[in-house]
Amino acid sequence: MPKKLSRNKARQGRRGFPVLIILIVGLLLAGLVWWGAEIYGVAIEPSNPSGDPQTPP
C-alpha cells in the first residue's frame, strides 16, 4: 500500500522565484546591454564615413 504524503511533502522542488519575474528581469538586462552597445556605437562612429566625398580644406 502506497504511503500517504501531505501536499507539502509531495512537492518535488523548493519554492523559488516565479518564472515571470526572472523573464522580465532578463528582458530588462538585455535591453540595458543593447542600450549600452548603441551608445558605444554612436561614440565610436567616424565623423566622415569612407563612402562620402571629402571636403577640401
PDB file of N, CA and C in Angstrom:
ATOM      1  N   MET A   1       0.835  -1.169   0.000  1.00  0.00           N
ATOM      2  CA  MET A   1       0.000   0.000   0.000  1.00  0.00           C
ATOM      3  C   MET A   1       0.891   1.247   0.000  1.00  0.00           C
ATOM      4  N   PRO A   2       0.626   2.200  -0.928  1.00  0.00           N
ATOM      5  CA  PRO A   2       1.453   3.406  -1.005  1.00  0.00           C
ATOM      6  C   PRO A   2       1.306   4.273   0.240  1.00  0.00           C
ATOM      7  N   LYS A   3       2.398   4.914   0.570  1.00  0.00           N
ATOM      8  CA  LYS A   3       2.424   5.805   1.723  1.00  0.00           C
ATOM      9  C   LYS A   3       1.685   7.095   1.396  1.00  0.00           C
ATOM     10  N   LYS A   4       0.899   7.603   2.299  1.00  0.00           N
ATOM     11  CA  LYS A   4       0.193   8.872   2.084  1.00  0.00           C
ATOM     12  C   LYS A   4       1.120  10.014   2.490  1.00  0.00           C
ATOM     13  N   LEU A   5       1.233  10.987   1.604  1.00  0.00           N
ATOM     14  CA  LEU A   5       2.073  12.152   1.860  1.00  0.00           C
ATOM     15  C   LEU A   5       1.225  13.406   1.863  1.00  0.00           C
ATOM     16  N   SER A   6       1.643  14.347   2.666  1.00  0.00           N
ATOM     17  CA  SER A   6       0.933  15.632   2.652  1.00  0.00           C
ATOM     18  C   SER A   6       1.314  16.390   1.382  1.00  0.00           C
ATOM     19  N   ARG A   7       0.578  17.432   1.073  1.00  0.00           N
ATOM     20  CA  ARG A   7       0.838  18.212  -0.140  1.00  0.00           C
ATOM     21  C   ARG A   7       2.236  18.792  -0.148  1.00  0.00           C
ATOM     22  N   ASN A   8       2.656  19.326   0.973  1.00  0.00           N
ATOM     23  CA  ASN A   8       3.971  19.964   1.033  1.00  0.00           C
ATOM     24  C   ASN A   8       5.101  18.952   0.895  1.00  0.00           C
ATOM     25  N   LYS A   9       4.943  17.775   1.427  1.00  0.00           N
ATOM     26  CA  LYS A   9       5.981  16.759   1.319  1.00  0.00           C
ATOM     27  C   LYS A   9       6.038  16.170  -0.089  1.00  0.00           C
ATOM     28  N   ALA A  10       4.943  16.202  -0.813  1.00  0.00           N
ATOM     29  CA  ALA A  10       4.897  15.615  -2.148  1.00  0.00           C
ATOM     30  C   ALA A  10       5.527  16.530  -3.202  1.00  0.00           C
ATOM     31  N   ARG A  11       5.798  17.770  -2.842  1.00  0.00           N
ATOM     32  CA  ARG A  11       6.432  18.689  -3.798  1.00  0.00           C
ATOM     33  C   ARG A  11       7.793  18.163  -4.188  1.00  0.00           C
ATOM     34  N   GLN A  12       8.151  18.337  -5.451  1.00  0.00           N
ATOM     35  CA  GLN A  12       9.433  17.825  -5.909  1.00  0.00           C
ATOM     36  C   GLN A  12      10.544  18.855  -5.810  1.00  0.00           C
ATOM     37  N   GLY A  13      10.208  20.095  -5.732  1.00  0.00           N
ATOM     38  CA  GLY A  13      11.236  21.128  -5.659  1.00  0.00           C
ATOM     39  C   GLY A  13      10.872  22.171  -4.630  1.00  0.00           C
ATOM     40  N   ARG A  14      11.846  22.988  -4.286  1.00  0.00           N
ATOM     41  CA  ARG A  14      11.557  24.050  -3.329  1.00  0.00           C
ATOM     42  C   ARG A  14      10.996  25.251  -4.067  1.00  0.00           C
ATOM     43  N   ARG A  15      10.337  26.092  -3.351  1.00  0.00           N
ATOM     44  CA  ARG A  15       9.766  27.290  -3.951  1.00  0.00           C
ATOM     45  C   ARG A  15      10.889  28.258  -4.288  1.00  0.00           C
ATOM     46  N   GLY A  16      10.810  28.817  -5.477  1.00  0.00           N
ATOM     47  CA  GLY A  16      11.829  29.763  -5.922  1.00  0.00           C
ATOM     48  C   GLY A  16      11.158  31.001  -6.493  1.00  0.00           C
ATOM     49  N   PHE A  17      11.937  31.784  -7.210  1.00  0.00           N
ATOM     50  CA  PHE A  17      11.375  32.965  -7.852  1.00  0.00           C
ATOM     51  C   PHE A  17      10.386  32.533  -8.927  1.00  0.00           C
ATOM     52  N   PRO A  18       9.303  33.226  -9.037  1.00  0.00           N
ATOM     53  CA  PRO A  18       8.381  32.917 -10.138  1.00  0.00           C
ATOM     54  C   PRO A  18       9.066  33.168 -11.484  1.00  0.00           C
ATOM     55  N   VAL A  19       8.763  32.349 -12.429  1.00  0.00           N
ATOM     56  CA  VAL A  19       9.420  32.407 -13.737  1.00  0.00           C
ATOM     57  C   VAL A  19       9.180  33.747 -14.420  1.00  0.00           C
ATOM     58  N   LEU A  20       8.020  34.323 -14.243  1.00  0.00           N
ATOM     59  CA  LEU A  20       7.714  35.602 -14.897  1.00  0.00           C
ATOM     60  C   LEU A  20       8.673  36.691 -14.444  1.00  0.00           C
ATOM     61  N   ILE A  21       8.995  36.728 -13.174  1.00  0.00           N
ATOM     62  CA  ILE A  21       9.912  37.752 -12.662  1.00  0.00           C
ATOM     63  C   ILE A  21      11.298  37.557 -13.274  1.00  0.00           C
ATOM     64  N   ILE A  22      11.749  36.334 -13.364  1.00  0.00           N
ATOM     65  CA  ILE A  22      13.059  36.058 -13.952  1.00  0.00           C
ATOM     66  C   ILE A  22      13.078  36.463 -15.425  1.00  0.00           C
ATOM     67  N   LEU A  23      12.011  36.181 -16.153  1.00  0.00           N
ATOM     68  CA  LEU A  23      11.947  36.554 -17.567  1.00  0.00           C
ATOM     69  C   LEU A  23      11.937  38.076 -17.745  1.00  0.00           C
ATOM     70  N   ILE A  24      11.205  38.780 -16.911  1.00  0.00           N
ATOM     71  CA  ILE A  24      11.142  40.243 -17.010  1.00  0.00           C
ATOM     72  C   ILE A  24      12.497  40.855 -16.687  1.00  0.00           C
ATOM     73  N   VAL A  25      13.148  40.373 -15.639  1.00  0.00           N
ATOM     74  CA  VAL A  25      14.463  40.903 -15.279  1.00  0.00           C
ATOM     75  C   VAL A  25      15.469  40.608 -16.385  1.00  0.00           C
ATOM     76  N   GLY A  26      15.405  39.434 -16.975  1.00  0.00           N
ATOM     77  CA  GLY A  26      16.296  39.103 -18.087  1.00  0.00           C
ATOM     78  C   GLY A  26      16.071  40.013 -19.284  1.00  0.00           C
ATOM     79  N   LEU A  27      14.819  40.314 -19.567  1.00  0.00           N
ATOM     80  CA  LEU A  27      14.494  41.202 -20.670  1.00  0.00           C
ATOM     81  C   LEU A  27      15.013  42.611 -20.393  1.00  0.00           C
ATOM     82  N   LEU A  28      14.864  43.072 -19.168  1.00  0.00           N
ATOM     83  CA  LEU A  28      15.371  44.400 -18.807  1.00  0.00           C
ATOM     84  C   LEU A  28      16.902  44.455 -18.908  1.00  0.00           C
ATOM     85  N   LEU A  29      17.572  43.400 -18.473  1.00  0.00           N
ATOM     86  CA  LEU A  29      19.028  43.360 -18.582  1.00  0.00           C
ATOM     87  C   LEU A  29      19.476  43.345 -20.038  1.00  0.00           C
ATOM     88  N   ALA A  30      18.777  42.600 -20.875  1.00  0.00           N
ATOM     89  CA  ALA A  30      19.113  42.568 -22.299  1.00  0.00           C
ATOM     90  C   ALA A  30      18.914  43.949 -22.925  1.00  0.00           C
ATOM     91  N   GLY A  31      17.858  44.639 -22.555  1.00  0.00           N
ATOM     92  CA  GLY A  31      17.624  45.997 -23.052  1.00  0.00           C
ATOM     93  C   GLY A  31      18.701  46.964 -22.594  1.00  0.00           C
ATOM     94  N   LEU A  32      19.162  46.810 -21.366  1.00  0.00           N
ATOM     95  CA  LEU A  32      20.220  47.666 -20.840  1.00  0.00           C
ATOM     96  C   LEU A  32      21.528  47.441 -21.592  1.00  0.00           C
ATOM     97  N   VAL A  33      21.852  46.196 -21.887  1.00  0.00           N
ATOM     98  CA  VAL A  33      23.064  45.891 -22.648  1.00  0.00           C
ATOM     99  C   VAL A  33      22.943  46.442 -24.070  1.00  0.00           C
ATOM    100  N   TRP A  34      21.780  46.286 -24.676  1.00  0.00           N
ATOM    101  CA  TRP A  34      21.554  46.808 -26.026  1.00  0.00           C
ATOM    102  C   TRP A  34      21.737  48.329 -26.036  1.00  0.00           C
ATOM    103  N   TRP A  35      21.162  49.009 -25.047  1.00  0.00           N
ATOM    104  CA  TRP A  35      21.266  50.466 -24.940  1.00  0.00           C
ATOM    105  C   TRP A  35      22.737  50.866 -24.809  1.00  0.00           C
ATOM    106  N   GLY A  36      23.489  50.154 -23.998  1.00  0.00           N
ATOM    107  CA  GLY A  36      24.909  50.448 -23.834  1.00  0.00           C
ATOM    108  C   GLY A  36      25.678  50.255 -25.135  1.00  0.00           C
ATOM    109  N   ALA A  37      25.352  49.215 -25.889  1.00  0.00           N
ATOM    110  CA  ALA A  37      26.015  48.981 -27.167  1.00  0.00           C
ATOM    111  C   ALA A  37      25.675  50.082 -28.173  1.00  0.00           C
ATOM    112  N   GLU A  38      24.449  50.566 -28.147  1.00  0.00           N
ATOM    113  CA  GLU A  38      24.051  51.662 -29.034  1.00  0.00           C
ATOM    114  C   GLU A  38      24.824  52.932 -28.700  1.00  0.00           C
ATOM    115  N   ILE A  39      24.940  53.254 -27.423  1.00  0.00           N
ATOM    116  CA  ILE A  39      25.683  54.447 -27.003  1.00  0.00           C
ATOM    117  C   ILE A  39      27.150  54.317 -27.419  1.00  0.00           C
ATOM    118  N   TYR A  40      27.729  53.145 -27.222  1.00  0.00           N
ATOM    119  CA  TYR A  40      29.123  52.911 -27.603  1.00  0.00           C
ATOM    120  C   TYR A  40      29.288  53.031 -29.118  1.00  0.00           C
ATOM    121  N   GLY A  41      28.342  52.508 -29.878  1.00  0.00           N
ATOM    122  CA  GLY A  41      28.404  52.589 -31.333  1.00  0.00           C
ATOM    123  C   GLY A  41      28.351  54.018 -31.838  1.00  0.00           C
ATOM    124  N   VAL A  42      27.547  54.846 -31.198  1.00  0.00           N
ATOM    125  CA  VAL A  42      27.473  56.249 -31.589  1.00  0.00           C
ATOM    126  C   VAL A  42      28.772  56.958 -31.211  1.00  0.00           C
ATOM    127  N   ALA A  43      29.359  56.596 -30.087  1.00  0.00           N
ATOM    128  CA  ALA A  43      30.579  57.253 -29.623  1.00  0.00           C
ATOM    129  C   ALA A  43      31.770  56.952 -30.538  1.00  0.00           C
ATOM    130  N   ILE A  44      31.829  55.759 -31.121  1.00  0.00           N
ATOM    131  CA  ILE A  44      32.982  55.414 -31.957  1.00  0.00           C
ATOM    132  C   ILE A  44      32.712  55.612 -33.447  1.00  0.00           C
ATOM    133  N   GLU A  45      31.545  56.129 -33.784  1.00  0.00           N
ATOM    134  CA  GLU A  45      31.191  56.339 -35.185  1.00  0.00           C
ATOM    135  C   GLU A  45      32.114  57.388 -35.807  1.00  0.00           C
ATOM    136  N   PRO A  46      32.697  57.099 -36.975  1.00  0.00           N
ATOM    137  CA  PRO A  46      33.584  58.089 -37.599  1.00  0.00           C
ATOM    138  C   PRO A  46      32.789  59.300 -38.068  1.00  0.00           C
ATOM    139  N   SER A  47      33.434  60.472 -38.022  1.00  0.00           N
ATOM    140  CA  SER A  47      32.728  61.687 -38.423  1.00  0.00           C
ATOM    141  C   SER A  47      32.562  61.770 -39.934  1.00  0.00           C
ATOM    142  N   ASN A  48      33.453  61.131 -40.703  1.00  0.00           N
ATOM    143  CA  ASN A  48      33.357  61.135 -42.155  1.00  0.00           C
ATOM    144  C   ASN A  48      33.428  59.688 -42.651  1.00  0.00           C
ATOM    145  N   PRO A  49      32.282  59.052 -42.905  1.00  0.00           N
ATOM    146  CA  PRO A  49      32.308  57.669 -43.394  1.00  0.00           C
ATOM    147  C   PRO A  49      33.087  57.565 -44.702  1.00  0.00           C
ATOM    148  N   SER A  50      33.638  56.402 -44.981  1.00  0.00           N
ATOM    149  CA  SER A  50      34.533  56.224 -46.141  1.00  0.00           C
ATOM    150  C   SER A  50      33.830  56.426 -47.481  1.00  0.00           C
ATOM    151  N   GLY A  51      32.539  56.300 -47.547  1.00  0.00           N
ATOM    152  CA  GLY A  51      31.823  56.447 -48.822  1.00  0.00           C
ATOM    153  C   GLY A  51      31.527  57.888 -49.194  1.00  0.00           C
ATOM    154  N   ASP A  52      31.623  58.814 -48.254  1.00  0.00           N
ATOM    155  CA  ASP A  52      31.309  60.227 -48.538  1.00  0.00           C
ATOM    156  C   ASP A  52      32.538  60.941 -49.102  1.00  0.00           C
ATOM    157  N   PRO A  53      32.316  61.840 -50.060  1.00  0.00           N
ATOM    158  CA  PRO A  53      33.457  62.617 -50.576  1.00  0.00           C
ATOM    159  C   PRO A  53      33.948  63.592 -49.512  1.00  0.00           C
ATOM    160  N   GLN A  54      35.249  63.791 -49.495  1.00  0.00           N
ATOM    161  CA  GLN A  54      35.817  64.698 -48.508  1.00  0.00           C
ATOM    162  C   GLN A  54      35.737  66.120 -49.017  1.00  0.00           C
ATOM    163  N   THR A  55      35.540  67.047 -48.116  1.00  0.00           N
ATOM    164  CA  THR A  55      35.508  68.450 -48.483  1.00  0.00           C
ATOM    165  C   THR A  55      36.944  68.965 -48.493  1.00  0.00           C
ATOM    166  N   PRO A  56      37.264  69.871 -49.421  1.00  0.00           N
ATOM    167  CA  PRO A  56      38.636  70.403 -49.449  1.00  0.00           C
ATOM    168  C   PRO A  56      38.896  71.258 -48.220  1.00  0.00           C
ATOM    169  N   PRO A  57      40.145  71.230 -47.737  1.00  0.00           N
ATOM    170  CA  PRO A  57      40.469  72.014 -46.515  1.00  0.00           C
ATOM    171  C   PRO A  57      40.511  73.497 -46.740  1.00  0.00           C
TER     172      PRO A  57
END
